[in-house]
Amino acid sequence: MTIDRKRVLWQCRRALLELDLVLARFLERDFDRLDEETLADLEDLLRCEDHELWAMVNGSAPCAKERWRGVLGLLRQS
């Protein structure tokens, strides 16, 4: 399965400013280097509601799925 990178980029646009800023830095630094598996994990993670996603990114909530840990680690570096 091939992930549509343009669709994932569009899904990275968020209403929560803090999350939008983190995702913008992440995209600039890491997006072009993501393999298909990581891209699929990111796409799945982006289905979360903004406040739930922000809580996982900032560490105030635990990672909801084990497979998201790698992507969350990249986001936390942003």
Protein backbone atom coordinates (compact mmCIF):
# COMPACT_ATOMS: atom_id res chain seq x y z
CA MET A 1 0.00 0.00 0.00
CA THR A 2 1.32 3.43 -0.91
CA ILE A 3 0.44 6.33 1.35
CA ASP A 4 -0.64 9.57 -0.33
CA ARG A 5 1.90 12.07 1.00
CA LYS A 6 -0.18 15.07 -0.09
CA ARG A 7 -3.13 13.80 1.94
CA VAL A 8 -0.91 13.36 5.02
CA LEU A 9 0.46 16.89 4.56
CA TRP A 10 -3.09 18.23 4.46
CA GLN A 11 -3.99 16.28 7.62
CA CYS A 12 -1.06 17.94 9.42
CA ARG A 13 -2.87 21.28 9.26
CA ARG A 14 -4.43 21.56 12.71
CA ALA A 15 -6.61 24.08 14.53
CA LEU A 16 -4.55 23.96 17.72
CA LEU A 17 -1.70 26.46 17.28
CA GLU A 18 0.83 24.57 19.42
CA LEU A 19 0.24 21.38 17.49
CA ASP A 20 0.33 23.19 14.17
CA LEU A 21 3.74 24.67 15.03
CA VAL A 22 5.20 21.31 16.08
CA LEU A 23 3.87 19.62 12.96
CA ALA A 24 5.22 22.40 10.71
CA ARG A 25 8.74 21.99 12.14
CA PHE A 26 8.46 18.20 11.93
CA LEU A 27 7.38 18.35 8.29
CA GLU A 28 10.21 20.69 7.38
CA ARG A 29 12.82 18.50 9.09
CA ASP A 30 11.62 14.92 8.68
CA PHE A 31 8.73 14.45 6.26
CA ASP A 32 10.73 13.73 3.11
CA ARG A 33 12.73 11.03 4.94
CA LEU A 34 9.76 9.03 6.29
CA ASP A 35 9.43 5.47 5.04
CA GLU A 36 6.02 3.99 4.16
CA GLU A 37 5.56 2.32 7.57
CA THR A 38 6.30 5.49 9.52
CA LEU A 39 4.15 7.50 7.16
CA ALA A 40 1.27 5.05 7.76
CA ASP A 41 1.77 5.42 11.53
CA LEU A 42 1.72 9.21 11.18
CA GLU A 43 -1.46 9.08 9.12
CA ASP A 44 -3.10 6.89 11.76
CA LEU A 45 -1.92 9.18 14.57
CA LEU A 46 -3.33 12.22 12.78
CA ARG A 47 -6.82 10.74 13.08
CA CYS A 48 -6.76 11.73 16.76
CA GLU A 49 -8.57 14.82 17.92
CA ASP A 50 -6.24 17.83 18.37
CA HIS A 51 -6.26 17.95 22.18
CA GLU A 52 -5.70 14.19 22.46
CA LEU A 53 -2.84 14.38 19.95
CA TRP A 54 -1.28 17.40 21.67
CA ALA A 55 -1.38 15.62 25.04
CA MET A 56 0.53 12.67 23.57
CA VAL A 57 3.04 14.95 21.83
CA ASN A 58 3.75 17.02 24.95
CA GLY A 59 3.89 13.94 27.17
CA SER A 60 0.95 14.77 29.44
CA ALA A 61 -0.89 11.67 28.18
CA PRO A 62 0.55 8.24 27.41
CA CYS A 63 0.93 7.03 23.85
CA ALA A 64 -2.38 5.40 22.92
CA LYS A 65 -0.85 2.84 20.52
CA GLU A 66 2.56 1.21 20.70
CA ARG A 67 3.17 1.71 16.97
CA TRP A 68 2.89 5.51 17.34
CA ARG A 69 5.90 5.76 19.68
CA GLY A 70 8.41 6.30 16.87
CA VAL A 71 6.41 9.10 15.25
CA LEU A 72 5.72 10.72 18.62
CA GLY A 73 9.45 10.65 19.32
CA LEU A 74 10.10 12.52 16.09
CA LEU A 75 7.37 15.04 16.87
CA ARG A 76 8.79 15.65 20.33
CA GLN A 77 12.13 16.58 18.77
CA SER A 78 10.42 19.40 16.87
